[in-house]
């Protein structure tokens, strides 16, 4: 589970909202680099409340939108599953479609709080 990747999902502007549900579930399954995400469609359907057919449609939209990239296949429990990489940028760095992400500047505020008001290096 990657809290880092899940936080990055909040910065993406996805429509319809069901795409965000599936992307959040994928982020929950990935590591901090956005890799090692090998979901099963039935599990994603259960986790997001969608039908398996709808999950497949959403995965195709997320792939077409550049949010996920298929990296290959793995056999798990005698089932062939696609391994995905997530293409999410950190909040404040702009998202896949170039717009500013929600939470821009959060890292700067955190640095200011940790340094006692001076976020500049050195």
PDB file of N, CA and C in Angstrom:
ATOM      1  N   UNK A   1       0.843  -1.180   0.000  1.00  0.00           N
ATOM      2  CA  UNK A   1       0.000   0.000   0.000  1.00  0.00           C
ATOM      3  C   UNK A   1       0.884   1.238   0.000  1.00  0.00           C
ATOM      4  N   UNK A   2       0.560   2.188  -0.857  1.00  0.00           N
ATOM      5  CA  UNK A   2       1.339   3.409  -0.935  1.00  0.00           C
ATOM      6  C   UNK A   2       0.470   4.615  -0.607  1.00  0.00           C
ATOM      7  N   UNK A   3       0.670   5.143   0.584  1.00  0.00           N
ATOM      8  CA  UNK A   3      -0.042   6.365   0.968  1.00  0.00           C
ATOM      9  C   UNK A   3       0.413   7.514   0.077  1.00  0.00           C
ATOM     10  N   UNK A   4       1.679   7.498  -0.330  1.00  0.00           N
ATOM     11  CA  UNK A   4       2.214   8.530  -1.218  1.00  0.00           C
ATOM     12  C   UNK A   4       1.445   8.557  -2.541  1.00  0.00           C
ATOM     13  N   UNK A   5       1.272   7.404  -3.171  1.00  0.00           N
ATOM     14  CA  UNK A   5       0.534   7.346  -4.436  1.00  0.00           C
ATOM     15  C   UNK A   5      -0.939   7.685  -4.230  1.00  0.00           C
ATOM     16  N   UNK A   6      -1.512   7.257  -3.111  1.00  0.00           N
ATOM     17  CA  UNK A   6      -2.916   7.582  -2.837  1.00  0.00           C
ATOM     18  C   UNK A   6      -3.085   9.093  -2.692  1.00  0.00           C
ATOM     19  N   UNK A   7      -2.144   9.760  -2.036  1.00  0.00           N
ATOM     20  CA  UNK A   7      -2.220  11.216  -1.892  1.00  0.00           C
ATOM     21  C   UNK A   7      -2.124  11.893  -3.250  1.00  0.00           C
ATOM     22  N   UNK A   8      -1.338  11.334  -4.145  1.00  0.00           N
ATOM     23  CA  UNK A   8      -1.209  11.915  -5.485  1.00  0.00           C
ATOM     24  C   UNK A   8      -2.492  11.787  -6.296  1.00  0.00           C
ATOM     25  N   UNK A   9      -3.282  10.738  -6.030  1.00  0.00           N
ATOM     26  CA  UNK A   9      -4.555  10.586  -6.742  1.00  0.00           C
ATOM     27  C   UNK A   9      -5.471  11.777  -6.454  1.00  0.00           C
ATOM     28  N   UNK A  10      -5.444  12.272  -5.217  1.00  0.00           N
ATOM     29  CA  UNK A  10      -6.301  13.411  -4.868  1.00  0.00           C
ATOM     30  C   UNK A  10      -5.988  14.631  -5.734  1.00  0.00           C
ATOM     31  N   UNK A  11      -4.766  14.737  -6.247  1.00  0.00           N
ATOM     32  CA  UNK A  11      -4.382  15.866  -7.074  1.00  0.00           C
ATOM     33  C   UNK A  11      -4.778  15.739  -8.535  1.00  0.00           C
ATOM     34  N   UNK A  12      -5.370  14.627  -8.914  1.00  0.00           N
ATOM     35  CA  UNK A  12      -5.755  14.415 -10.310  1.00  0.00           C
ATOM     36  C   UNK A  12      -7.193  14.873 -10.535  1.00  0.00           C
ATOM     37  N   UNK A  13      -7.439  15.429 -11.687  1.00  0.00           N
ATOM     38  CA  UNK A  13      -8.789  15.861 -12.046  1.00  0.00           C
ATOM     39  C   UNK A  13      -9.409  14.803 -12.951  1.00  0.00           C
ATOM     40  N   UNK A  14     -10.189  13.922 -12.355  1.00  0.00           N
ATOM     41  CA  UNK A  14     -10.773  12.808 -13.091  1.00  0.00           C
ATOM     42  C   UNK A  14     -12.276  12.949 -13.175  1.00  0.00           C
ATOM     43  N   UNK A  15     -12.796  12.639 -14.349  1.00  0.00           N
ATOM     44  CA  UNK A  15     -14.233  12.630 -14.539  1.00  0.00           C
ATOM     45  C   UNK A  15     -14.527  11.491 -15.505  1.00  0.00           C
ATOM     46  N   UNK A  16     -15.453  10.628 -15.180  1.00  0.00           N
ATOM     47  CA  UNK A  16     -16.336  10.615 -14.020  1.00  0.00           C
ATOM     48  C   UNK A  16     -15.616  10.167 -12.748  1.00  0.00           C
ATOM     49  N   UNK A  17     -16.289  10.347 -11.644  1.00  0.00           N
ATOM     50  CA  UNK A  17     -15.697  10.038 -10.338  1.00  0.00           C
ATOM     51  C   UNK A  17     -15.318   8.568 -10.206  1.00  0.00           C
ATOM     52  N   UNK A  18     -16.003   7.694 -10.910  1.00  0.00           N
ATOM     53  CA  UNK A  18     -15.678   6.269 -10.822  1.00  0.00           C
ATOM     54  C   UNK A  18     -14.252   5.997 -11.283  1.00  0.00           C
ATOM     55  N   UNK A  19     -13.738   6.810 -12.195  1.00  0.00           N
ATOM     56  CA  UNK A  19     -12.340   6.651 -12.617  1.00  0.00           C
ATOM     57  C   UNK A  19     -11.413   6.903 -11.437  1.00  0.00           C
ATOM     58  N   UNK A  20     -11.752   7.896 -10.627  1.00  0.00           N
ATOM     59  CA  UNK A  20     -10.961   8.197  -9.433  1.00  0.00           C
ATOM     60  C   UNK A  20     -11.007   7.077  -8.414  1.00  0.00           C
ATOM     61  N   UNK A  21     -12.167   6.423  -8.282  1.00  0.00           N
ATOM     62  CA  UNK A  21     -12.277   5.301  -7.343  1.00  0.00           C
ATOM     63  C   UNK A  21     -11.320   4.178  -7.748  1.00  0.00           C
ATOM     64  N   UNK A  22     -11.313   3.856  -9.036  1.00  0.00           N
ATOM     65  CA  UNK A  22     -10.447   2.775  -9.518  1.00  0.00           C
ATOM     66  C   UNK A  22      -8.982   3.185  -9.414  1.00  0.00           C
ATOM     67  N   UNK A  23      -8.659   4.446  -9.752  1.00  0.00           N
ATOM     68  CA  UNK A  23      -7.279   4.903  -9.637  1.00  0.00           C
ATOM     69  C   UNK A  23      -6.820   4.885  -8.180  1.00  0.00           C
ATOM     70  N   UNK A  24      -7.695   5.238  -7.250  1.00  0.00           N
ATOM     71  CA  UNK A  24      -7.346   5.186  -5.825  1.00  0.00           C
ATOM     72  C   UNK A  24      -7.093   3.738  -5.397  1.00  0.00           C
ATOM     73  N   UNK A  25      -7.911   2.812  -5.880  1.00  0.00           N
ATOM     74  CA  UNK A  25      -7.712   1.397  -5.546  1.00  0.00           C
ATOM     75  C   UNK A  25      -6.375   0.899  -6.107  1.00  0.00           C
ATOM     76  N   UNK A  26      -6.027   1.338  -7.312  1.00  0.00           N
ATOM     77  CA  UNK A  26      -4.736   0.959  -7.893  1.00  0.00           C
ATOM     78  C   UNK A  26      -3.586   1.541  -7.075  1.00  0.00           C
ATOM     79  N   UNK A  27      -3.713   2.789  -6.666  1.00  0.00           N
ATOM     80  CA  UNK A  27      -2.679   3.425  -5.846  1.00  0.00           C
ATOM     81  C   UNK A  27      -2.518   2.692  -4.520  1.00  0.00           C
ATOM     82  N   UNK A  28      -3.625   2.219  -3.977  1.00  0.00           N
ATOM     83  CA  UNK A  28      -3.595   1.464  -2.722  1.00  0.00           C
ATOM     84  C   UNK A  28      -2.801   0.172  -2.878  1.00  0.00           C
ATOM     85  N   UNK A  29      -2.783  -0.390  -4.088  1.00  0.00           N
ATOM     86  CA  UNK A  29      -2.085  -1.655  -4.345  1.00  0.00           C
ATOM     87  C   UNK A  29      -0.631  -1.466  -4.751  1.00  0.00           C
ATOM     88  N   UNK A  30      -0.236  -0.247  -5.114  1.00  0.00           N
ATOM     89  CA  UNK A  30       1.112  -0.033  -5.653  1.00  0.00           C
ATOM     90  C   UNK A  30       2.122   0.262  -4.556  1.00  0.00           C
ATOM     91  N   UNK A  31       3.391   0.318  -4.953  1.00  0.00           N
ATOM     92  CA  UNK A  31       4.430   0.750  -4.023  1.00  0.00           C
ATOM     93  C   UNK A  31       4.630   2.259  -4.177  1.00  0.00           C
ATOM     94  N   UNK A  32       5.551   2.850  -3.438  1.00  0.00           N
ATOM     95  CA  UNK A  32       5.750   4.302  -3.469  1.00  0.00           C
ATOM     96  C   UNK A  32       6.217   4.820  -4.825  1.00  0.00           C
ATOM     97  N   UNK A  33       6.808   3.975  -5.644  1.00  0.00           N
ATOM     98  CA  UNK A  33       7.240   4.387  -6.977  1.00  0.00           C
ATOM     99  C   UNK A  33       6.114   4.256  -8.001  1.00  0.00           C
ATOM    100  N   UNK A  34       4.957   3.759  -7.577  1.00  0.00           N
ATOM    101  CA  UNK A  34       3.841   3.569  -8.490  1.00  0.00           C
ATOM    102  C   UNK A  34       3.954   2.293  -9.302  1.00  0.00           C
ATOM    103  N   UNK A  35       4.742   1.360  -8.821  1.00  0.00           N
ATOM    104  CA  UNK A  35       4.952   0.094  -9.515  1.00  0.00           C
ATOM    105  C   UNK A  35       4.400  -1.054  -8.682  1.00  0.00           C
ATOM    106  N   UNK A  36       4.596  -2.266  -9.180  1.00  0.00           N
ATOM    107  CA  UNK A  36       4.143  -3.484  -8.483  1.00  0.00           C
ATOM    108  C   UNK A  36       2.655  -3.461  -8.193  1.00  0.00           C
ATOM    109  N   UNK A  37       1.900  -2.918  -9.113  1.00  0.00           N
ATOM    110  CA  UNK A  37       0.445  -2.873  -8.987  1.00  0.00           C
ATOM    111  C   UNK A  37      -0.126  -3.938  -9.915  1.00  0.00           C
ATOM    112  N   UNK A  38      -0.575  -5.039  -9.327  1.00  0.00           N
ATOM    113  CA  UNK A  38      -1.062  -6.180 -10.100  1.00  0.00           C
ATOM    114  C   UNK A  38      -2.464  -6.547  -9.600  1.00  0.00           C
ATOM    115  N   UNK A  39      -3.462  -5.764 -10.000  1.00  0.00           N
ATOM    116  CA  UNK A  39      -4.812  -5.998  -9.497  1.00  0.00           C
ATOM    117  C   UNK A  39      -5.543  -7.091 -10.267  1.00  0.00           C
ATOM    118  N   UNK A  40      -6.551  -7.631  -9.647  1.00  0.00           N
ATOM    119  CA  UNK A  40      -7.484  -8.476 -10.381  1.00  0.00           C
ATOM    120  C   UNK A  40      -8.732  -7.638 -10.624  1.00  0.00           C
ATOM    121  N   UNK A  41      -9.329  -7.813 -11.780  1.00  0.00           N
ATOM    122  CA  UNK A  41     -10.535  -7.058 -12.106  1.00  0.00           C
ATOM    123  C   UNK A  41     -11.657  -7.365 -11.107  1.00  0.00           C
ATOM    124  N   UNK A  42     -11.871  -8.635 -10.722  1.00  0.00           N
ATOM    125  CA  UNK A  42     -12.925  -8.889  -9.726  1.00  0.00           C
ATOM    126  C   UNK A  42     -12.675  -8.158  -8.400  1.00  0.00           C
ATOM    127  N   UNK A  43     -11.410  -8.092  -7.975  1.00  0.00           N
ATOM    128  CA  UNK A  43     -11.113  -7.381  -6.717  1.00  0.00           C
ATOM    129  C   UNK A  43     -11.381  -5.888  -6.861  1.00  0.00           C
ATOM    130  N   UNK A  44     -10.946  -5.287  -7.973  1.00  0.00           N
ATOM    131  CA  UNK A  44     -11.217  -3.868  -8.201  1.00  0.00           C
ATOM    132  C   UNK A  44     -12.718  -3.602  -8.250  1.00  0.00           C
ATOM    133  N   UNK A  45     -13.465  -4.510  -8.869  1.00  0.00           N
ATOM    134  CA  UNK A  45     -14.922  -4.356  -8.930  1.00  0.00           C
ATOM    135  C   UNK A  45     -15.521  -4.389  -7.529  1.00  0.00           C
ATOM    136  N   UNK A  46     -15.077  -5.331  -6.726  1.00  0.00           N
ATOM    137  CA  UNK A  46     -15.582  -5.425  -5.350  1.00  0.00           C
ATOM    138  C   UNK A  46     -15.196  -4.169  -4.553  1.00  0.00           C
ATOM    139  N   UNK A  47     -13.931  -3.755  -4.672  1.00  0.00           N
ATOM    140  CA  UNK A  47     -13.444  -2.640  -3.870  1.00  0.00           C
ATOM    141  C   UNK A  47     -14.112  -1.321  -4.243  1.00  0.00           C
ATOM    142  N   UNK A  48     -14.493  -1.147  -5.506  1.00  0.00           N
ATOM    143  CA  UNK A  48     -15.043   0.134  -5.960  1.00  0.00           C
ATOM    144  C   UNK A  48     -16.555   0.115  -6.169  1.00  0.00           C
ATOM    145  N   UNK A  49     -17.165  -1.038  -6.033  1.00  0.00           N
ATOM    146  CA  UNK A  49     -18.620  -1.125  -6.209  1.00  0.00           C
ATOM    147  C   UNK A  49     -19.052  -1.063  -7.665  1.00  0.00           C
ATOM    148  N   UNK A  50     -18.145  -1.369  -8.584  1.00  0.00           N
ATOM    149  CA  UNK A  50     -18.445  -1.345 -10.020  1.00  0.00           C
ATOM    150  C   UNK A  50     -18.563  -2.777 -10.525  1.00  0.00           C
ATOM    151  N   UNK A  51     -19.158  -2.935 -11.696  1.00  0.00           N
ATOM    152  CA  UNK A  51     -19.163  -4.251 -12.330  1.00  0.00           C
ATOM    153  C   UNK A  51     -17.779  -4.507 -12.925  1.00  0.00           C
ATOM    154  N   UNK A  52     -17.464  -5.761 -13.168  1.00  0.00           N
ATOM    155  CA  UNK A  52     -16.181  -6.093 -13.773  1.00  0.00           C
ATOM    156  C   UNK A  52     -16.052  -5.454 -15.152  1.00  0.00           C
ATOM    157  N   UNK A  53     -17.140  -5.448 -15.897  1.00  0.00           N
ATOM    158  CA  UNK A  53     -17.124  -4.828 -17.235  1.00  0.00           C
ATOM    159  C   UNK A  53     -16.819  -3.332 -17.124  1.00  0.00           C
ATOM    160  N   UNK A  54     -17.428  -2.661 -16.147  1.00  0.00           N
ATOM    161  CA  UNK A  54     -17.182  -1.227 -15.963  1.00  0.00           C
ATOM    162  C   UNK A  54     -15.739  -0.969 -15.529  1.00  0.00           C
ATOM    163  N   UNK A  55     -15.188  -1.836 -14.696  1.00  0.00           N
ATOM    164  CA  UNK A  55     -13.790  -1.681 -14.278  1.00  0.00           C
ATOM    165  C   UNK A  55     -12.871  -1.780 -15.495  1.00  0.00           C
ATOM    166  N   UNK A  56     -13.155  -2.710 -16.397  1.00  0.00           N
ATOM    167  CA  UNK A  56     -12.335  -2.835 -17.610  1.00  0.00           C
ATOM    168  C   UNK A  56     -12.411  -1.559 -18.446  1.00  0.00           C
ATOM    169  N   UNK A  57     -13.612  -0.987 -18.563  1.00  0.00           N
ATOM    170  CA  UNK A  57     -13.768   0.274 -19.309  1.00  0.00           C
ATOM    171  C   UNK A  57     -12.951   1.390 -18.654  1.00  0.00           C
ATOM    172  N   UNK A  58     -13.031   1.457 -17.331  1.00  0.00           N
ATOM    173  CA  UNK A  58     -12.306   2.499 -16.591  1.00  0.00           C
ATOM    174  C   UNK A  58     -10.802   2.318 -16.743  1.00  0.00           C
ATOM    175  N   UNK A  59     -10.314   1.085 -16.649  1.00  0.00           N
ATOM    176  CA  UNK A  59      -8.884   0.833 -16.841  1.00  0.00           C
ATOM    177  C   UNK A  59      -8.442   1.299 -18.229  1.00  0.00           C
ATOM    178  N   UNK A  60      -9.276   1.059 -19.239  1.00  0.00           N
ATOM    179  CA  UNK A  60      -8.951   1.526 -20.595  1.00  0.00           C
ATOM    180  C   UNK A  60      -8.902   3.054 -20.651  1.00  0.00           C
ATOM    181  N   UNK A  61      -9.857   3.733 -19.990  1.00  0.00           N
ATOM    182  CA  UNK A  61      -9.857   5.205 -19.979  1.00  0.00           C
ATOM    183  C   UNK A  61      -8.628   5.744 -19.254  1.00  0.00           C
ATOM    184  N   UNK A  62      -8.283   5.125 -18.117  1.00  0.00           N
ATOM    185  CA  UNK A  62      -7.107   5.567 -17.363  1.00  0.00           C
ATOM    186  C   UNK A  62      -5.834   5.366 -18.185  1.00  0.00           C
ATOM    187  N   UNK A  63      -5.768   4.270 -18.920  1.00  0.00           N
ATOM    188  CA  UNK A  63      -4.615   4.026 -19.784  1.00  0.00           C
ATOM    189  C   UNK A  63      -4.579   5.047 -20.928  1.00  0.00           C
ATOM    190  N   UNK A  64      -5.716   5.274 -21.569  1.00  0.00           N
ATOM    191  CA  UNK A  64      -5.784   6.251 -22.666  1.00  0.00           C
ATOM    192  C   UNK A  64      -5.442   7.658 -22.189  1.00  0.00           C
ATOM    193  N   UNK A  65      -5.801   7.976 -20.938  1.00  0.00           N
ATOM    194  CA  UNK A  65      -5.523   9.292 -20.374  1.00  0.00           C
ATOM    195  C   UNK A  65      -4.103   9.449 -19.851  1.00  0.00           C
ATOM    196  N   UNK A  66      -3.327   8.370 -19.855  1.00  0.00           N
ATOM    197  CA  UNK A  66      -1.941   8.438 -19.413  1.00  0.00           C
ATOM    198  C   UNK A  66      -1.748   8.294 -17.915  1.00  0.00           C
ATOM    199  N   UNK A  67      -2.784   7.946 -17.178  1.00  0.00           N
ATOM    200  CA  UNK A  67      -2.681   7.797 -15.724  1.00  0.00           C
ATOM    201  C   UNK A  67      -2.026   6.480 -15.326  1.00  0.00           C
ATOM    202  N   UNK A  68      -2.212   5.442 -16.157  1.00  0.00           N
ATOM    203  CA  UNK A  68      -1.608   4.140 -15.881  1.00  0.00           C
ATOM    204  C   UNK A  68      -0.953   3.620 -17.156  1.00  0.00           C
ATOM    205  N   UNK A  69       0.059   2.777 -16.977  1.00  0.00           N
ATOM    206  CA  UNK A  69       0.757   2.156 -18.102  1.00  0.00           C
ATOM    207  C   UNK A  69       0.875   0.666 -17.826  1.00  0.00           C
ATOM    208  N   UNK A  70       0.403  -0.175 -18.751  1.00  0.00           N
ATOM    209  CA  UNK A  70       0.598  -1.613 -18.562  1.00  0.00           C
ATOM    210  C   UNK A  70       2.077  -1.957 -18.719  1.00  0.00           C
ATOM    211  N   UNK A  71       2.604  -2.713 -17.774  1.00  0.00           N
ATOM    212  CA  UNK A  71       4.029  -3.046 -17.776  1.00  0.00           C
ATOM    213  C   UNK A  71       4.300  -4.493 -18.160  1.00  0.00           C
ATOM    214  N   UNK A  72       3.266  -5.297 -18.200  1.00  0.00           N
ATOM    215  CA  UNK A  72       3.444  -6.717 -18.527  1.00  0.00           C
ATOM    216  C   UNK A  72       2.366  -7.531 -17.839  1.00  0.00           C
ATOM    217  N   UNK A  73       2.583  -8.818 -17.791  1.00  0.00           N
ATOM    218  CA  UNK A  73       1.613  -9.724 -17.191  1.00  0.00           C
ATOM    219  C   UNK A  73       2.276 -10.576 -16.124  1.00  0.00           C
ATOM    220  N   UNK A  74       1.479 -10.958 -15.142  1.00  0.00           N
ATOM    221  CA  UNK A  74       1.927 -11.890 -14.115  1.00  0.00           C
ATOM    222  C   UNK A  74       0.838 -12.934 -13.932  1.00  0.00           C
ATOM    223  N   UNK A  75       1.252 -14.131 -13.588  1.00  0.00           N
ATOM    224  CA  UNK A  75       0.305 -15.200 -13.289  1.00  0.00           C
ATOM    225  C   UNK A  75       0.212 -15.308 -11.772  1.00  0.00           C
ATOM    226  N   UNK A  76      -0.967 -15.048 -11.242  1.00  0.00           N
ATOM    227  CA  UNK A  76      -1.210 -15.132  -9.801  1.00  0.00           C
ATOM    228  C   UNK A  76      -2.455 -15.991  -9.600  1.00  0.00           C
ATOM    229  N   UNK A  77      -2.341 -17.032  -8.802  1.00  0.00           N
ATOM    230  CA  UNK A  77      -3.458 -17.947  -8.550  1.00  0.00           C
ATOM    231  C   UNK A  77      -4.050 -18.464  -9.864  1.00  0.00           C
ATOM    232  N   UNK A  78      -3.182 -18.847 -10.795  1.00  0.00           N
ATOM    233  CA  UNK A  78      -3.577 -19.391 -12.100  1.00  0.00           C
ATOM    234  C   UNK A  78      -4.383 -18.396 -12.931  1.00  0.00           C
ATOM    235  N   UNK A  79      -4.256 -17.112 -12.635  1.00  0.00           N
ATOM    236  CA  UNK A  79      -4.951 -16.073 -13.381  1.00  0.00           C
ATOM    237  C   UNK A  79      -3.930 -15.106 -13.949  1.00  0.00           C
ATOM    238  N   UNK A  80      -4.059 -14.802 -15.242  1.00  0.00           N
ATOM    239  CA  UNK A  80      -3.165 -13.838 -15.884  1.00  0.00           C
ATOM    240  C   UNK A  80      -3.651 -12.426 -15.548  1.00  0.00           C
ATOM    241  N   UNK A  81      -2.768 -11.641 -14.909  1.00  0.00           N
ATOM    242  CA  UNK A  81      -3.111 -10.273 -14.513  1.00  0.00           C
ATOM    243  C   UNK A  81      -2.128  -9.282 -15.132  1.00  0.00           C
ATOM    244  N   UNK A  82      -2.638  -8.106 -15.458  1.00  0.00           N
ATOM    245  CA  UNK A  82      -1.784  -7.048 -15.983  1.00  0.00           C
ATOM    246  C   UNK A  82      -1.127  -6.313 -14.825  1.00  0.00           C
ATOM    247  N   UNK A  83       0.171  -6.077 -14.965  1.00  0.00           N
ATOM    248  CA  UNK A  83       0.902  -5.265 -13.994  1.00  0.00           C
ATOM    249  C   UNK A  83       0.907  -3.833 -14.519  1.00  0.00           C
ATOM    250  N   UNK A  84       0.537  -2.865 -13.657  1.00  0.00           N
ATOM    251  CA  UNK A  84       0.455  -1.468 -14.073  1.00  0.00           C
ATOM    252  C   UNK A  84       1.474  -0.608 -13.340  1.00  0.00           C
ATOM    253  N   UNK A  85       1.899   0.435 -14.004  1.00  0.00           N
ATOM    254  CA  UNK A  85       2.664   1.502 -13.386  1.00  0.00           C
ATOM    255  C   UNK A  85       1.774   2.739 -13.349  1.00  0.00           C
ATOM    256  N   UNK A  86       1.807   3.472 -12.244  1.00  0.00           N
ATOM    257  CA  UNK A  86       0.998   4.686 -12.116  1.00  0.00           C
ATOM    258  C   UNK A  86       1.822   5.885 -12.561  1.00  0.00           C
ATOM    259  N   UNK A  87       1.207   6.768 -13.320  1.00  0.00           N
ATOM    260  CA  UNK A  87       1.869   7.969 -13.826  1.00  0.00           C
ATOM    261  C   UNK A  87       1.260   9.197 -13.152  1.00  0.00           C
ATOM    262  N   UNK A  88       1.526   9.340 -11.868  1.00  0.00           N
ATOM    263  CA  UNK A  88       0.955  10.445 -11.096  1.00  0.00           C
ATOM    264  C   UNK A  88       2.075  11.362 -10.644  1.00  0.00           C
ATOM    265  N   UNK A  89       1.867  12.652 -10.763  1.00  0.00           N
ATOM    266  CA  UNK A  89       2.883  13.603 -10.324  1.00  0.00           C
ATOM    267  C   UNK A  89       2.571  14.055  -8.910  1.00  0.00           C
ATOM    268  N   UNK A  90       3.572  14.514  -8.184  1.00  0.00           N
ATOM    269  CA  UNK A  90       3.330  15.001  -6.830  1.00  0.00           C
ATOM    270  C   UNK A  90       2.422  16.233  -6.850  1.00  0.00           C
ATOM    271  N   UNK A  91       1.652  16.437  -5.780  1.00  0.00           N
ATOM    272  CA  UNK A  91       0.833  17.644  -5.691  1.00  0.00           C
ATOM    273  C   UNK A  91       1.702  18.881  -5.883  1.00  0.00           C
ATOM    274  N   UNK A  92       1.183  19.849  -6.657  1.00  0.00           N
ATOM    275  CA  UNK A  92       1.895  21.093  -6.896  1.00  0.00           C
ATOM    276  C   UNK A  92       2.812  21.046  -8.099  1.00  0.00           C
ATOM    277  N   UNK A  93       3.026  19.885  -8.670  1.00  0.00           N
ATOM    278  CA  UNK A  93       3.918  19.750  -9.823  1.00  0.00           C
ATOM    279  C   UNK A  93       3.142  19.669 -11.125  1.00  0.00           C
ATOM    280  N   UNK A  94       1.804  19.766 -11.063  1.00  0.00           N
ATOM    281  CA  UNK A  94       0.969  19.607 -12.251  1.00  0.00           C
ATOM    282  C   UNK A  94       0.676  18.132 -12.460  1.00  0.00           C
ATOM    283  N   UNK A  95      -0.515  17.831 -12.963  1.00  0.00           N
ATOM    284  CA  UNK A  95      -0.836  16.425 -13.160  1.00  0.00           C
ATOM    285  C   UNK A  95      -0.621  16.023 -14.605  1.00  0.00           C
ATOM    286  N   UNK A  96      -1.083  14.852 -14.956  1.00  0.00           N
ATOM    287  CA  UNK A  96      -0.807  14.283 -16.259  1.00  0.00           C
ATOM    288  C   UNK A  96      -1.260  15.204 -17.390  1.00  0.00           C
ATOM    289  N   UNK A  97      -2.423  15.867 -17.215  1.00  0.00           N
ATOM    290  CA  UNK A  97      -2.919  16.719 -18.292  1.00  0.00           C
ATOM    291  C   UNK A  97      -2.418  18.153 -18.179  1.00  0.00           C
ATOM    292  N   UNK A  98      -1.442  18.425 -17.317  1.00  0.00           N
ATOM    293  CA  UNK A  98      -0.775  19.710 -17.279  1.00  0.00           C
ATOM    294  C   UNK A  98      -1.364  20.738 -16.337  1.00  0.00           C
ATOM    295  N   UNK A  99      -2.520  20.492 -15.735  1.00  0.00           N
ATOM    296  CA  UNK A  99      -3.102  21.474 -14.836  1.00  0.00           C
ATOM    297  C   UNK A  99      -2.495  21.333 -13.436  1.00  0.00           C
ATOM    298  N   UNK A 100      -2.608  22.370 -12.640  1.00  0.00           N
ATOM    299  CA  UNK A 100      -2.081  22.322 -11.280  1.00  0.00           C
ATOM    300  C   UNK A 100      -2.899  21.358 -10.435  1.00  0.00           C
ATOM    301  N   UNK A 101      -2.229  20.600  -9.631  1.00  0.00           N
ATOM    302  CA  UNK A 101      -2.887  19.614  -8.774  1.00  0.00           C
ATOM    303  C   UNK A 101      -3.422  20.275  -7.513  1.00  0.00           C
ATOM    304  N   UNK A 102      -4.454  19.702  -6.958  1.00  0.00           N
ATOM    305  CA  UNK A 102      -4.989  20.147  -5.673  1.00  0.00           C
ATOM    306  C   UNK A 102      -3.916  19.918  -4.625  1.00  0.00           C
ATOM    307  N   UNK A 103      -3.757  20.826  -3.693  1.00  0.00           N
ATOM    308  CA  UNK A 103      -2.765  20.675  -2.641  1.00  0.00           C
ATOM    309  C   UNK A 103      -1.425  21.274  -3.021  1.00  0.00           C
ATOM    310  N   UNK A 104      -1.388  22.091  -4.081  1.00  0.00           N
ATOM    311  CA  UNK A 104      -0.126  22.717  -4.492  1.00  0.00           C
ATOM    312  C   UNK A 104       0.419  23.545  -3.340  1.00  0.00           C
ATOM    313  N   UNK A 105       1.698  23.420  -3.094  1.00  0.00           N
ATOM    314  CA  UNK A 105       2.336  24.180  -2.028  1.00  0.00           C
ATOM    315  C   UNK A 105       2.333  23.482  -0.683  1.00  0.00           C
ATOM    316  N   UNK A 106       1.714  22.330  -0.582  1.00  0.00           N
ATOM    317  CA  UNK A 106       1.653  21.613   0.685  1.00  0.00           C
ATOM    318  C   UNK A 106       3.051  21.272   1.176  1.00  0.00           C
ATOM    319  N   UNK A 107       3.926  20.851   0.272  1.00  0.00           N
ATOM    320  CA  UNK A 107       5.293  20.498   0.656  1.00  0.00           C
ATOM    321  C   UNK A 107       6.029  21.717   1.218  1.00  0.00           C
ATOM    322  N   UNK A 108       5.803  22.906   0.625  1.00  0.00           N
ATOM    323  CA  UNK A 108       6.456  24.129   1.104  1.00  0.00           C
ATOM    324  C   UNK A 108       5.980  24.492   2.508  1.00  0.00           C
ATOM    325  N   UNK A 109       4.666  24.354   2.770  1.00  0.00           N
ATOM    326  CA  UNK A 109       4.137  24.663   4.109  1.00  0.00           C
ATOM    327  C   UNK A 109       4.720  23.706   5.137  1.00  0.00           C
ATOM    328  N   UNK A 110       4.837  22.436   4.772  1.00  0.00           N
ATOM    329  CA  UNK A 110       5.389  21.446   5.695  1.00  0.00           C
ATOM    330  C   UNK A 110       6.844  21.781   6.011  1.00  0.00           C
ATOM    331  N   UNK A 111       7.625  22.166   4.999  1.00  0.00           N
ATOM    332  CA  UNK A 111       9.034  22.522   5.221  1.00  0.00           C
ATOM    333  C   UNK A 111       9.141  23.741   6.123  1.00  0.00           C
ATOM    334  N   UNK A 112       8.245  24.710   5.951  1.00  0.00           N
ATOM    335  CA  UNK A 112       8.260  25.913   6.790  1.00  0.00           C
ATOM    336  C   UNK A 112       7.988  25.564   8.242  1.00  0.00           C
ATOM    337  N   UNK A 113       7.007  24.682   8.463  1.00  0.00           N
ATOM    338  CA  UNK A 113       6.669  24.292   9.829  1.00  0.00           C
ATOM    339  C   UNK A 113       7.829  23.546  10.489  1.00  0.00           C
ATOM    340  N   UNK A 114       8.535  22.708   9.717  1.00  0.00           N
ATOM    341  CA  UNK A 114       9.625  21.909  10.291  1.00  0.00           C
ATOM    342  C   UNK A 114      10.871  22.750  10.599  1.00  0.00           C
ATOM    343  N   UNK A 115      11.063  23.840   9.866  1.00  0.00           N
ATOM    344  CA  UNK A 115      12.252  24.655  10.085  1.00  0.00           C
ATOM    345  C   UNK A 115      11.989  25.866  10.969  1.00  0.00           C
ATOM    346  N   UNK A 116      10.776  25.950  11.488  1.00  0.00           N
ATOM    347  CA  UNK A 116      10.448  27.053  12.374  1.00  0.00           C
ATOM    348  C   UNK A 116      10.232  28.372  11.649  1.00  0.00           C
ATOM    349  N   UNK A 117       9.735  28.301  10.410  1.00  0.00           N
ATOM    350  CA  UNK A 117       9.386  29.519   9.696  1.00  0.00           C
ATOM    351  C   UNK A 117      10.312  29.874   8.557  1.00  0.00           C
ATOM    352  N   UNK A 118      11.448  29.218   8.441  1.00  0.00           N
ATOM    353  CA  UNK A 118      12.367  29.529   7.351  1.00  0.00           C
ATOM    354  C   UNK A 118      12.484  28.303   6.458  1.00  0.00           C
ATOM    355  N   UNK A 119      11.824  28.335   5.283  1.00  0.00           N
ATOM    356  CA  UNK A 119      11.826  27.195   4.380  1.00  0.00           C
ATOM    357  C   UNK A 119      12.999  27.221   3.413  1.00  0.00           C
ATOM    358  N   UNK A 120      13.824  28.259   3.489  1.00  0.00           N
ATOM    359  CA  UNK A 120      14.957  28.327   2.562  1.00  0.00           C
ATOM    360  C   UNK A 120      16.088  27.426   3.039  1.00  0.00           C
ATOM    361  N   UNK A 121      16.815  26.834   2.084  1.00  0.00           N
ATOM    362  CA  UNK A 121      17.912  25.946   2.483  1.00  0.00           C
ATOM    363  C   UNK A 121      19.049  26.720   3.115  1.00  0.00           C
ATOM    364  N   UNK A 122      19.701  26.052   4.035  1.00  0.00           N
ATOM    365  CA  UNK A 122      20.881  26.491   4.568  1.00  0.00           C
ATOM    366  C   UNK A 122      21.133  27.518   5.490  1.00  0.00           C
TER     367      UNK A 122
END
